Amino acid sequence: MSVVADLLRRHFDGAQPRFVSTVQSLWSGYGAIERWQVADTTVVVKRISPPTAVDHPRGWHSDLSHRRKLRSYQVESHWYRHLVAGAVPSPEGSIAPPCRMPRLLLSQHHGDDHLLVLEDLHAAGFDCAVAAPTASQIRLCLKWLAQLHGHYLHHSTDGLWPQGSYWHLDTRPQEWAQMADRPLQRAAGRIDGRLKAAQYQTLIHGDAKLANFCLAAEEAAALDFQYVGGGSGVRDVAYFLGSCGAETLQQREQWLGYYFSEFAQVLRQRRIDPEPIEHEWRALYDVEQADFARFLNGWAPQHWKVNPCLQAAVARTLTQLAQ
């Protein structure tokens, strides 16, 4: 019997688990996400098994990259075990975020391997493969982000990334060194400094692309919490909207308006004034886009997310920094 099957059998009182399918492989061959049948339900098993040799899809690999990935899975385990489960309450005593995410059923280490057994959101009625979202589906995702950011405003990053997201400058020196955009490369430190100096920090998802959202008729849920950490809420928003395709400035303002209206509702329930936070975060939106553009320029300069909207944000940021 496999390690996964034996673990599930013991956890679910002797039920005979059955492997259903591999949902997807983890990035760079670090394991797989699998669906298993247990009695009358299914669960998702995230099986993290670091490879002895790594074949990175884009040719990037180093000890720093390896350690970042290992750390990301430790962060994800901490997130599910201590924050989603409500072990760390907010100052108001709330013990769980209002936004939907899978429940952690079991976490287990086997040597260098790590298993996370999670609720199967697909079995709960969510579509986890939306490629072309409607406007209403985008709003559901933005509402999810607003609830996350409002709930965890000024929360400790203990056990998480001090700076959320997988592309922040401190963990990407190789990509920075490969940049062809010299003005952006020279400004990278100042851009990063602006983001770190933001007065209003929350916990961000850190990889809030469309592919990490599952959608039901009236609710969104999110997956993949490897890069949760500190930051401004618009870091997630800018990354999410970029993952949905090119956006015009007018569309951006409409989506931001919706996000901040939902964010304000959460903060008013906590008796926090949302206006100064919105003012700061709106001013950081271009800076967040420029920071992501810095990463792409060194990592994959021909990536489809490098579009006129992103390039315009870079130009505005560089102009602002030069003033």
C-alpha atoms as a PDB file:
ATOM      1  CA  MET A   1       0.000   0.000   0.000  1.00  0.00           C
ATOM      2  CA  SER A   2       1.353   3.464  -0.879  1.00  0.00           C
ATOM      3  CA  VAL A   3       2.219   6.012   1.810  1.00  0.00           C
ATOM      4  CA  VAL A   4      -0.743   8.168   0.755  1.00  0.00           C
ATOM      5  CA  ALA A   5      -3.206   5.281   0.741  1.00  0.00           C
ATOM      6  CA  ASP A   6      -2.011   4.064   4.142  1.00  0.00           C
ATOM      7  CA  LEU A   7      -2.240   7.569   5.610  1.00  0.00           C
ATOM      8  CA  LEU A   8      -5.776   8.073   4.306  1.00  0.00           C
ATOM      9  CA  ARG A   9      -6.901   4.641   5.495  1.00  0.00           C
ATOM     10  CA  ARG A  10      -5.687   5.345   9.043  1.00  0.00           C
ATOM     11  CA  HIS A  11      -7.105   8.875   9.141  1.00  0.00           C
ATOM     12  CA  PHE A  12     -10.523   7.895   7.759  1.00  0.00           C
ATOM     13  CA  ASP A  13     -11.165   4.986  10.141  1.00  0.00           C
ATOM     14  CA  GLY A  14     -10.133   2.106   7.930  1.00  0.00           C
ATOM     15  CA  ALA A  15     -11.816   3.262   4.710  1.00  0.00           C
ATOM     16  CA  GLN A  16     -10.205   1.859   1.574  1.00  0.00           C
ATOM     17  CA  PRO A  17      -8.878   4.876  -0.365  1.00  0.00           C
ATOM     18  CA  ARG A  18      -8.650   4.775  -4.149  1.00  0.00           C
ATOM     19  CA  PHE A  19      -6.424   6.916  -6.345  1.00  0.00           C
ATOM     20  CA  VAL A  20      -8.575   8.802  -8.872  1.00  0.00           C
ATOM     21  CA  SER A  21      -6.251  11.014 -10.892  1.00  0.00           C
ATOM     22  CA  THR A  22      -3.287  13.345 -10.934  1.00  0.00           C
ATOM     23  CA  VAL A  23      -4.693  16.867 -11.018  1.00  0.00           C
ATOM     24  CA  GLN A  24      -1.337  18.411 -11.912  1.00  0.00           C
ATOM     25  CA  SER A  25       2.374  18.159 -11.262  1.00  0.00           C
ATOM     26  CA  LEU A  26       4.012  20.681  -8.967  1.00  0.00           C
ATOM     27  CA  TRP A  27       6.361  23.240 -10.489  1.00  0.00           C
ATOM     28  CA  SER A  28       9.856  21.930 -11.386  1.00  0.00           C
ATOM     29  CA  GLY A  29       9.011  18.354 -10.439  1.00  0.00           C
ATOM     30  CA  TYR A  30       8.538  18.930  -6.709  1.00  0.00           C
ATOM     31  CA  GLY A  31       5.629  16.496  -6.445  1.00  0.00           C
ATOM     32  CA  ALA A  32       2.025  16.335  -7.538  1.00  0.00           C
ATOM     33  CA  ILE A  33      -1.530  17.211  -6.635  1.00  0.00           C
ATOM     34  CA  GLU A  34      -3.749  14.128  -6.635  1.00  0.00           C
ATOM     35  CA  ARG A  35      -7.429  13.364  -6.173  1.00  0.00           C
ATOM     36  CA  TRP A  36      -8.334  10.356  -4.021  1.00  0.00           C
ATOM     37  CA  GLN A  37     -11.655   8.686  -3.327  1.00  0.00           C
ATOM     38  CA  VAL A  38     -12.295   7.984   0.346  1.00  0.00           C
ATOM     39  CA  ALA A  39     -15.644   6.335   1.157  1.00  0.00           C
ATOM     40  CA  ASP A  40     -18.338   8.548  -0.381  1.00  0.00           C
ATOM     41  CA  THR A  41     -16.217  11.646  -0.956  1.00  0.00           C
ATOM     42  CA  THR A  42     -13.014  12.781  -2.620  1.00  0.00           C
ATOM     43  CA  VAL A  43     -10.046  14.624  -1.151  1.00  0.00           C
ATOM     44  CA  VAL A  44      -7.104  16.420  -2.702  1.00  0.00           C
ATOM     45  CA  VAL A  45      -3.614  15.354  -1.689  1.00  0.00           C
ATOM     46  CA  LYS A  46      -0.742  17.776  -2.260  1.00  0.00           C
ATOM     47  CA  ARG A  47       2.283  15.512  -2.255  1.00  0.00           C
ATOM     48  CA  ILE A  48       5.523  17.496  -1.925  1.00  0.00           C
ATOM     49  CA  SER A  49       8.546  15.372  -2.782  1.00  0.00           C
ATOM     50  CA  PRO A  50      11.662  17.446  -3.618  1.00  0.00           C
ATOM     51  CA  PRO A  51      13.567  15.962  -6.578  1.00  0.00           C
ATOM     52  CA  THR A  52      17.230  15.022  -6.465  1.00  0.00           C
ATOM     53  CA  ALA A  53      17.712  16.744  -9.832  1.00  0.00           C
ATOM     54  CA  VAL A  54      15.590  19.625 -11.052  1.00  0.00           C
ATOM     55  CA  ASP A  55      14.604  20.322 -14.645  1.00  0.00           C
ATOM     56  CA  HIS A  56      13.149  23.826 -14.448  1.00  0.00           C
ATOM     57  CA  PRO A  57      10.598  24.518 -17.236  1.00  0.00           C
ATOM     58  CA  ARG A  58      12.360  27.784 -18.120  1.00  0.00           C
ATOM     59  CA  GLY A  59      15.904  26.747 -17.325  1.00  0.00           C
ATOM     60  CA  TRP A  60      16.076  28.528 -13.953  1.00  0.00           C
ATOM     61  CA  HIS A  61      17.513  26.574 -11.081  1.00  0.00           C
ATOM     62  CA  SER A  62      19.892  27.280  -8.213  1.00  0.00           C
ATOM     63  CA  ASP A  63      20.292  26.492  -4.542  1.00  0.00           C
ATOM     64  CA  LEU A  64      18.472  29.753  -3.785  1.00  0.00           C
ATOM     65  CA  SER A  65      15.571  28.667  -5.999  1.00  0.00           C
ATOM     66  CA  HIS A  66      15.482  25.250  -4.323  1.00  0.00           C
ATOM     67  CA  ARG A  67      15.453  26.758  -0.839  1.00  0.00           C
ATOM     68  CA  ARG A  68      12.722  29.220  -1.852  1.00  0.00           C
ATOM     69  CA  LYS A  69      10.503  26.371  -3.017  1.00  0.00           C
ATOM     70  CA  LEU A  70      11.091  24.334   0.134  1.00  0.00           C
ATOM     71  CA  ARG A  71      10.316  27.387   2.247  1.00  0.00           C
ATOM     72  CA  SER A  72       7.140  27.992   0.247  1.00  0.00           C
ATOM     73  CA  TYR A  73       5.728  24.599   1.218  1.00  0.00           C
ATOM     74  CA  GLN A  74       6.573  25.232   4.877  1.00  0.00           C
ATOM     75  CA  VAL A  75       4.711  28.535   4.613  1.00  0.00           C
ATOM     76  CA  GLU A  76       1.693  26.848   3.052  1.00  0.00           C
ATOM     77  CA  SER A  77       1.567  24.237   5.807  1.00  0.00           C
ATOM     78  CA  HIS A  78       1.818  26.966   8.471  1.00  0.00           C
ATOM     79  CA  TRP A  79      -0.967  28.914   6.782  1.00  0.00           C
ATOM     80  CA  TYR A  80      -3.403  26.017   6.764  1.00  0.00           C
ATOM     81  CA  ARG A  81      -2.527  24.765  10.226  1.00  0.00           C
ATOM     82  CA  HIS A  82      -2.375  28.033  12.146  1.00  0.00           C
ATOM     83  CA  LEU A  83      -4.310  30.741  10.344  1.00  0.00           C
ATOM     84  CA  VAL A  84      -7.080  29.099   8.346  1.00  0.00           C
ATOM     85  CA  ALA A  85      -7.843  26.784  11.240  1.00  0.00           C
ATOM     86  CA  GLY A  86      -8.151  29.844  13.448  1.00  0.00           C
ATOM     87  CA  ALA A  87      -5.304  29.119  15.843  1.00  0.00           C
ATOM     88  CA  VAL A  88      -4.218  32.761  15.558  1.00  0.00           C
ATOM     89  CA  PRO A  89      -7.279  34.970  16.175  1.00  0.00           C
ATOM     90  CA  SER A  90      -7.532  38.546  14.999  1.00  0.00           C
ATOM     91  CA  PRO A  91      -7.610  41.362  17.591  1.00  0.00           C
ATOM     92  CA  GLU A  92     -11.408  41.317  17.384  1.00  0.00           C
ATOM     93  CA  GLY A  93     -11.527  37.638  18.261  1.00  0.00           C
ATOM     94  CA  SER A  94     -12.511  36.361  14.803  1.00  0.00           C
ATOM     95  CA  ILE A  95     -10.953  32.945  14.334  1.00  0.00           C
ATOM     96  CA  ALA A  96     -11.335  32.349  10.608  1.00  0.00           C
ATOM     97  CA  PRO A  97     -11.224  34.482   7.478  1.00  0.00           C
ATOM     98  CA  PRO A  98     -14.561  35.062   5.741  1.00  0.00           C
ATOM     99  CA  CYS A  99     -13.251  34.050   2.321  1.00  0.00           C
ATOM    100  CA  ARG A 100     -13.563  30.448   1.168  1.00  0.00           C
ATOM    101  CA  MET A 101     -10.587  28.121   0.882  1.00  0.00           C
ATOM    102  CA  PRO A 102     -10.145  24.370   1.285  1.00  0.00           C
ATOM    103  CA  ARG A 103     -10.067  22.970   4.797  1.00  0.00           C
ATOM    104  CA  LEU A 104      -6.905  21.172   5.825  1.00  0.00           C
ATOM    105  CA  LEU A 105      -7.826  17.623   6.800  1.00  0.00           C
ATOM    106  CA  LEU A 106      -4.364  16.272   7.541  1.00  0.00           C
ATOM    107  CA  SER A 107      -0.708  17.310   7.372  1.00  0.00           C
ATOM    108  CA  GLN A 108       2.028  14.709   7.585  1.00  0.00           C
ATOM    109  CA  HIS A 109       5.813  14.568   7.079  1.00  0.00           C
ATOM    110  CA  HIS A 110       7.647  11.482   5.814  1.00  0.00           C
ATOM    111  CA  GLY A 111      11.357  12.256   5.708  1.00  0.00           C
ATOM    112  CA  ASP A 112      11.826  14.958   3.085  1.00  0.00           C
ATOM    113  CA  ASP A 113       8.311  14.386   1.784  1.00  0.00           C
ATOM    114  CA  HIS A 114       5.301  16.337   3.010  1.00  0.00           C
ATOM    115  CA  LEU A 115       1.635  15.519   2.471  1.00  0.00           C
ATOM    116  CA  LEU A 116      -1.248  17.971   2.739  1.00  0.00           C
ATOM    117  CA  VAL A 117      -4.697  16.394   2.590  1.00  0.00           C
ATOM    118  CA  LEU A 118      -7.276  19.029   1.692  1.00  0.00           C
ATOM    119  CA  GLU A 119     -10.976  19.366   1.097  1.00  0.00           C
ATOM    120  CA  ASP A 120     -11.816  18.840  -2.571  1.00  0.00           C
ATOM    121  CA  LEU A 121     -13.431  22.102  -3.698  1.00  0.00           C
ATOM    122  CA  HIS A 122     -14.521  20.511  -6.968  1.00  0.00           C
ATOM    123  CA  ALA A 123     -16.598  18.028  -4.968  1.00  0.00           C
ATOM    124  CA  ALA A 124     -18.053  21.005  -3.067  1.00  0.00           C
ATOM    125  CA  GLY A 125     -19.451  22.470  -6.306  1.00  0.00           C
ATOM    126  CA  PHE A 126     -16.631  24.769  -7.424  1.00  0.00           C
ATOM    127  CA  ASP A 127     -15.279  24.967 -10.965  1.00  0.00           C
ATOM    128  CA  CYS A 128     -11.494  24.956 -10.634  1.00  0.00           C
ATOM    129  CA  ALA A 129     -10.666  25.331 -14.323  1.00  0.00           C
ATOM    130  CA  VAL A 130     -12.076  28.701 -15.438  1.00  0.00           C
ATOM    131  CA  ALA A 131      -9.962  29.996 -18.331  1.00  0.00           C
ATOM    132  CA  ALA A 132     -12.028  32.959 -19.531  1.00  0.00           C
ATOM    133  CA  PRO A 133     -13.826  34.577 -16.574  1.00  0.00           C
ATOM    134  CA  THR A 134     -16.954  36.647 -16.935  1.00  0.00           C
ATOM    135  CA  ALA A 135     -17.219  40.079 -15.334  1.00  0.00           C
ATOM    136  CA  SER A 136     -19.277  38.596 -12.499  1.00  0.00           C
ATOM    137  CA  GLN A 137     -16.624  35.930 -11.880  1.00  0.00           C
ATOM    138  CA  ILE A 138     -13.886  38.565 -11.756  1.00  0.00           C
ATOM    139  CA  ARG A 139     -15.945  40.426  -9.164  1.00  0.00           C
ATOM    140  CA  LEU A 140     -16.217  37.264  -7.056  1.00  0.00           C
ATOM    141  CA  CYS A 141     -12.438  36.898  -7.063  1.00  0.00           C
ATOM    142  CA  LEU A 142     -11.904  40.562  -6.202  1.00  0.00           C
ATOM    143  CA  LYS A 143     -14.389  40.220  -3.357  1.00  0.00           C
ATOM    144  CA  TRP A 144     -12.432  37.223  -2.087  1.00  0.00           C
ATOM    145  CA  LEU A 145      -9.224  39.256  -2.126  1.00  0.00           C
ATOM    146  CA  ALA A 146     -10.901  42.202  -0.392  1.00  0.00           C
ATOM    147  CA  GLN A 147     -12.139  39.907   2.377  1.00  0.00           C
ATOM    148  CA  LEU A 148      -8.702  38.340   2.816  1.00  0.00           C
ATOM    149  CA  HIS A 149      -6.924  41.685   2.941  1.00  0.00           C
ATOM    150  CA  GLY A 150      -9.473  43.289   5.237  1.00  0.00           C
ATOM    151  CA  HIS A 151      -9.450  40.381   7.657  1.00  0.00           C
ATOM    152  CA  TYR A 152      -5.656  40.200   7.951  1.00  0.00           C
ATOM    153  CA  LEU A 153      -4.830  43.917   7.922  1.00  0.00           C
ATOM    154  CA  HIS A 154      -1.728  44.501  10.097  1.00  0.00           C
ATOM    155  CA  HIS A 155      -1.525  40.791  10.948  1.00  0.00           C
ATOM    156  CA  SER A 156       1.794  39.264  11.963  1.00  0.00           C
ATOM    157  CA  THR A 157       3.807  37.484   9.265  1.00  0.00           C
ATOM    158  CA  ASP A 158       5.322  35.008  11.738  1.00  0.00           C
ATOM    159  CA  GLY A 159       5.712  31.664   9.959  1.00  0.00           C
ATOM    160  CA  LEU A 160       4.945  33.275   6.592  1.00  0.00           C
ATOM    161  CA  TRP A 161       6.957  35.321   4.106  1.00  0.00           C
ATOM    162  CA  PRO A 162       7.846  38.756   5.521  1.00  0.00           C
ATOM    163  CA  GLN A 163       7.204  39.992   1.990  1.00  0.00           C
ATOM    164  CA  GLY A 164       4.519  38.018   0.188  1.00  0.00           C
ATOM    165  CA  SER A 165       4.642  36.826  -3.472  1.00  0.00           C
ATOM    166  CA  TYR A 166       7.089  34.659  -5.363  1.00  0.00           C
ATOM    167  CA  TRP A 167       8.687  37.460  -7.379  1.00  0.00           C
ATOM    168  CA  HIS A 168       9.879  39.974  -4.771  1.00  0.00           C
ATOM    169  CA  LEU A 169      13.391  41.284  -5.280  1.00  0.00           C
ATOM    170  CA  ASP A 170      15.093  39.689  -2.262  1.00  0.00           C
ATOM    171  CA  THR A 171      14.523  36.186  -3.646  1.00  0.00           C
ATOM    172  CA  ARG A 172      15.224  36.996  -7.324  1.00  0.00           C
ATOM    173  CA  PRO A 173      18.832  38.228  -7.662  1.00  0.00           C
ATOM    174  CA  GLN A 174      19.538  35.963 -10.652  1.00  0.00           C
ATOM    175  CA  GLU A 175      16.577  37.278 -12.586  1.00  0.00           C
ATOM    176  CA  TRP A 176      17.524  40.859 -11.691  1.00  0.00           C
ATOM    177  CA  ALA A 177      21.041  40.287 -13.075  1.00  0.00           C
ATOM    178  CA  GLN A 178      19.588  39.063 -16.395  1.00  0.00           C
ATOM    179  CA  MET A 179      17.380  42.110 -17.012  1.00  0.00           C
ATOM    180  CA  ALA A 180      17.694  43.826 -20.386  1.00  0.00           C
ATOM    181  CA  ASP A 181      15.632  46.855 -19.297  1.00  0.00           C
ATOM    182  CA  ARG A 182      18.428  48.840 -17.668  1.00  0.00           C
ATOM    183  CA  PRO A 183      16.335  51.774 -16.380  1.00  0.00           C
ATOM    184  CA  LEU A 184      13.959  49.352 -14.674  1.00  0.00           C
ATOM    185  CA  GLN A 185      16.873  47.313 -13.373  1.00  0.00           C
ATOM    186  CA  ARG A 186      18.484  50.408 -11.839  1.00  0.00           C
ATOM    187  CA  ALA A 187      15.169  51.384 -10.239  1.00  0.00           C
ATOM    188  CA  ALA A 188      14.437  47.918  -8.826  1.00  0.00           C
ATOM    189  CA  GLY A 189      15.801  48.675  -5.359  1.00  0.00           C
ATOM    190  CA  ARG A 190      13.839  51.899  -5.042  1.00  0.00           C
ATOM    191  CA  ILE A 191      10.656  50.192  -6.232  1.00  0.00           C
ATOM    192  CA  ASP A 192      11.142  47.429  -3.686  1.00  0.00           C
ATOM    193  CA  GLY A 193      11.850  50.020  -0.998  1.00  0.00           C
ATOM    194  CA  ARG A 194       8.605  51.854  -1.749  1.00  0.00           C
ATOM    195  CA  LEU A 195       6.625  48.653  -1.345  1.00  0.00           C
ATOM    196  CA  LYS A 196       8.341  47.634   1.885  1.00  0.00           C
ATOM    197  CA  ALA A 197       7.788  51.109   3.336  1.00  0.00           C
ATOM    198  CA  ALA A 198       4.002  51.037   2.876  1.00  0.00           C
ATOM    199  CA  GLN A 199       2.321  52.041   6.109  1.00  0.00           C
ATOM    200  CA  TYR A 200      -0.661  49.759   5.614  1.00  0.00           C
ATOM    201  CA  GLN A 201       0.313  46.126   5.293  1.00  0.00           C
ATOM    202  CA  THR A 202      -1.864  43.040   5.242  1.00  0.00           C
ATOM    203  CA  LEU A 203      -1.428  39.369   4.434  1.00  0.00           C
ATOM    204  CA  ILE A 204      -1.583  38.775   0.705  1.00  0.00           C
ATOM    205  CA  HIS A 205      -2.136  35.539  -1.166  1.00  0.00           C
ATOM    206  CA  GLY A 206       1.077  36.058  -3.122  1.00  0.00           C
ATOM    207  CA  ASP A 207       0.110  34.016  -6.196  1.00  0.00           C
ATOM    208  CA  ALA A 208      -3.437  35.202  -6.828  1.00  0.00           C
ATOM    209  CA  LYS A 209      -3.648  34.294 -10.493  1.00  0.00           C
ATOM    210  CA  LEU A 210      -6.899  33.183 -12.070  1.00  0.00           C
ATOM    211  CA  ALA A 211      -5.734  29.542 -12.129  1.00  0.00           C
ATOM    212  CA  ASN A 212      -5.592  29.544  -8.313  1.00  0.00           C
ATOM    213  CA  PHE A 213      -9.274  30.463  -7.977  1.00  0.00           C
ATOM    214  CA  CYS A 214     -12.242  28.093  -8.050  1.00  0.00           C
ATOM    215  CA  LEU A 215     -15.667  29.512  -8.804  1.00  0.00           C
ATOM    216  CA  ALA A 216     -19.236  28.680  -7.881  1.00  0.00           C
ATOM    217  CA  ALA A 217     -22.372  30.598  -8.809  1.00  0.00           C
ATOM    218  CA  GLU A 218     -22.090  33.147  -6.006  1.00  0.00           C
ATOM    219  CA  GLU A 219     -18.715  32.538  -4.391  1.00  0.00           C
ATOM    220  CA  ALA A 220     -15.019  32.254  -5.161  1.00  0.00           C
ATOM    221  CA  ALA A 221     -12.490  30.098  -3.344  1.00  0.00           C
ATOM    222  CA  ALA A 222      -8.710  30.150  -3.612  1.00  0.00           C
ATOM    223  CA  LEU A 223      -5.952  27.554  -3.597  1.00  0.00           C
ATOM    224  CA  ASP A 224      -2.165  27.393  -3.386  1.00  0.00           C
ATOM    225  CA  PHE A 225      -0.952  29.405  -0.398  1.00  0.00           C
ATOM    226  CA  GLN A 226       2.794  28.909  -0.781  1.00  0.00           C
ATOM    227  CA  TYR A 227       3.612  32.616  -0.999  1.00  0.00           C
ATOM    228  CA  VAL A 228       1.386  34.172   1.659  1.00  0.00           C
ATOM    229  CA  GLY A 229       3.066  37.073   3.418  1.00  0.00           C
ATOM    230  CA  GLY A 230       3.086  40.781   4.032  1.00  0.00           C
ATOM    231  CA  GLY A 231       2.279  43.440   1.477  1.00  0.00           C
ATOM    232  CA  SER A 232      -0.271  45.879   0.137  1.00  0.00           C
ATOM    233  CA  GLY A 233      -3.572  44.420  -1.043  1.00  0.00           C
ATOM    234  CA  VAL A 234      -3.139  45.804  -4.548  1.00  0.00           C
ATOM    235  CA  ARG A 235      -0.151  43.515  -5.063  1.00  0.00           C
ATOM    236  CA  ASP A 236      -2.637  40.656  -5.301  1.00  0.00           C
ATOM    237  CA  VAL A 237      -5.156  42.737  -7.252  1.00  0.00           C
ATOM    238  CA  ALA A 238      -2.664  43.845  -9.908  1.00  0.00           C
ATOM    239  CA  TYR A 239      -1.360  40.305 -10.331  1.00  0.00           C
ATOM    240  CA  PHE A 240      -4.856  38.843 -10.521  1.00  0.00           C
ATOM    241  CA  LEU A 241      -6.118  41.321 -13.118  1.00  0.00           C
ATOM    242  CA  GLY A 242      -2.960  40.765 -15.155  1.00  0.00           C
ATOM    243  CA  SER A 243      -3.656  37.016 -15.153  1.00  0.00           C
ATOM    244  CA  CYS A 244      -7.104  37.656 -16.648  1.00  0.00           C
ATOM    245  CA  GLY A 245      -5.646  39.321 -19.763  1.00  0.00           C
ATOM    246  CA  ALA A 246      -4.772  42.790 -20.940  1.00  0.00           C
ATOM    247  CA  GLU A 247      -6.640  45.612 -19.251  1.00  0.00           C
ATOM    248  CA  THR A 248      -7.252  49.221 -20.179  1.00  0.00           C
ATOM    249  CA  LEU A 249      -6.791  52.043 -17.700  1.00  0.00           C
ATOM    250  CA  GLN A 250     -10.569  52.515 -17.608  1.00  0.00           C
ATOM    251  CA  GLN A 251     -11.143  48.823 -16.838  1.00  0.00           C
ATOM    252  CA  ARG A 252      -8.499  48.952 -14.147  1.00  0.00           C
ATOM    253  CA  GLU A 253     -10.243  51.834 -12.418  1.00  0.00           C
ATOM    254  CA  GLN A 254     -13.583  50.019 -12.549  1.00  0.00           C
ATOM    255  CA  TRP A 255     -12.119  46.868 -11.004  1.00  0.00           C
ATOM    256  CA  LEU A 256     -10.229  48.835  -8.376  1.00  0.00           C
ATOM    257  CA  GLY A 257     -13.393  50.696  -7.473  1.00  0.00           C
ATOM    258  CA  TYR A 258     -15.209  47.413  -6.921  1.00  0.00           C
ATOM    259  CA  TYR A 259     -12.336  45.917  -4.907  1.00  0.00           C
ATOM    260  CA  PHE A 260     -12.090  48.932  -2.616  1.00  0.00           C
ATOM    261  CA  SER A 261     -15.837  49.059  -2.055  1.00  0.00           C
ATOM    262  CA  GLU A 262     -15.737  45.443  -0.837  1.00  0.00           C
ATOM    263  CA  PHE A 263     -12.581  46.112   1.173  1.00  0.00           C
ATOM    264  CA  ALA A 264     -14.247  49.095   2.870  1.00  0.00           C
ATOM    265  CA  GLN A 265     -17.157  46.911   3.983  1.00  0.00           C
ATOM    266  CA  VAL A 266     -14.791  44.543   5.779  1.00  0.00           C
ATOM    267  CA  LEU A 267     -12.894  47.365   7.473  1.00  0.00           C
ATOM    268  CA  ARG A 268     -16.020  49.170   8.619  1.00  0.00           C
ATOM    269  CA  GLN A 269     -17.098  45.982  10.368  1.00  0.00           C
ATOM    270  CA  ARG A 270     -13.762  46.154  12.185  1.00  0.00           C
ATOM    271  CA  ARG A 271     -14.274  49.897  12.868  1.00  0.00           C
ATOM    272  CA  ILE A 272     -11.255  50.857  10.763  1.00  0.00           C
ATOM    273  CA  ASP A 273     -11.328  53.868   8.440  1.00  0.00           C
ATOM    274  CA  PRO A 274     -10.666  52.542   4.908  1.00  0.00           C
ATOM    275  CA  GLU A 275      -9.937  55.905   3.254  1.00  0.00           C
ATOM    276  CA  PRO A 276      -6.230  56.362   4.139  1.00  0.00           C
ATOM    277  CA  ILE A 277      -5.514  52.752   3.221  1.00  0.00           C
ATOM    278  CA  GLU A 278      -7.227  53.076  -0.137  1.00  0.00           C
ATOM    279  CA  HIS A 279      -5.337  56.307  -0.799  1.00  0.00           C
ATOM    280  CA  GLU A 280      -1.979  54.660  -0.158  1.00  0.00           C
ATOM    281  CA  TRP A 281      -2.727  51.438  -2.002  1.00  0.00           C
ATOM    282  CA  ARG A 282      -4.099  53.182  -5.106  1.00  0.00           C
ATOM    283  CA  ALA A 283      -0.851  55.146  -5.293  1.00  0.00           C
ATOM    284  CA  LEU A 284       1.090  51.858  -5.120  1.00  0.00           C
ATOM    285  CA  TYR A 285      -0.790  50.093  -7.922  1.00  0.00           C
ATOM    286  CA  ASP A 286       1.576  51.217 -10.699  1.00  0.00           C
ATOM    287  CA  VAL A 287       4.555  50.479  -8.443  1.00  0.00           C
ATOM    288  CA  GLU A 288       3.293  46.943  -7.863  1.00  0.00           C
ATOM    289  CA  GLN A 289       2.914  46.437 -11.603  1.00  0.00           C
ATOM    290  CA  ALA A 290       6.404  47.804 -12.213  1.00  0.00           C
ATOM    291  CA  ASP A 291       7.799  45.402  -9.613  1.00  0.00           C
ATOM    292  CA  PHE A 292       6.198  42.429 -11.370  1.00  0.00           C
ATOM    293  CA  ALA A 293       7.447  43.747 -14.727  1.00  0.00           C
ATOM    294  CA  ARG A 294      10.966  43.811 -13.220  1.00  0.00           C
ATOM    295  CA  PHE A 295      10.667  40.113 -12.435  1.00  0.00           C
ATOM    296  CA  LEU A 296       9.295  39.219 -15.873  1.00  0.00           C
ATOM    297  CA  ASN A 297      12.001  41.197 -17.658  1.00  0.00           C
ATOM    298  CA  GLY A 298      14.674  39.001 -16.117  1.00  0.00           C
ATOM    299  CA  TRP A 299      12.757  35.729 -15.982  1.00  0.00           C
ATOM    300  CA  ALA A 300      10.707  35.592 -19.192  1.00  0.00           C
ATOM    301  CA  PRO A 301      10.836  38.881 -21.139  1.00  0.00           C
ATOM    302  CA  GLN A 302       8.577  37.536 -23.908  1.00  0.00           C
ATOM    303  CA  HIS A 303       5.850  36.439 -21.483  1.00  0.00           C
ATOM    304  CA  TRP A 304       2.299  37.177 -22.611  1.00  0.00           C
ATOM    305  CA  LYS A 305       1.680  39.255 -19.480  1.00  0.00           C
ATOM    306  CA  VAL A 306       4.136  41.866 -20.779  1.00  0.00           C
ATOM    307  CA  ASN A 307       1.473  44.014 -22.431  1.00  0.00           C
ATOM    308  CA  PRO A 308       0.959  47.743 -23.107  1.00  0.00           C
ATOM    309  CA  CYS A 309      -0.861  48.251 -19.800  1.00  0.00           C
ATOM    310  CA  LEU A 310       2.040  46.778 -17.823  1.00  0.00           C
ATOM    311  CA  GLN A 311       4.598  48.742 -19.831  1.00  0.00           C
ATOM    312  CA  ALA A 312       2.665  51.976 -19.279  1.00  0.00           C
ATOM    313  CA  ALA A 313       2.674  51.359 -15.513  1.00  0.00           C
ATOM    314  CA  VAL A 314       6.448  50.917 -15.651  1.00  0.00           C
ATOM    315  CA  ALA A 315       6.844  54.203 -17.526  1.00  0.00           C
ATOM    316  CA  ARG A 316       4.674  56.075 -15.020  1.00  0.00           C
ATOM    317  CA  THR A 317       6.574  54.571 -12.084  1.00  0.00           C
ATOM    318  CA  LEU A 318       9.989  55.454 -13.497  1.00  0.00           C
ATOM    319  CA  THR A 319       8.809  59.013 -14.175  1.00  0.00           C
ATOM    320  CA  GLN A 320       7.516  59.284 -10.626  1.00  0.00           C
ATOM    321  CA  LEU A 321      10.764  57.979  -9.148  1.00  0.00           C
ATOM    322  CA  ALA A 322      12.761  60.477 -11.201  1.00  0.00           C
ATOM    323  CA  GLN A 323      10.846  63.474  -9.824  1.00  0.00           C
END
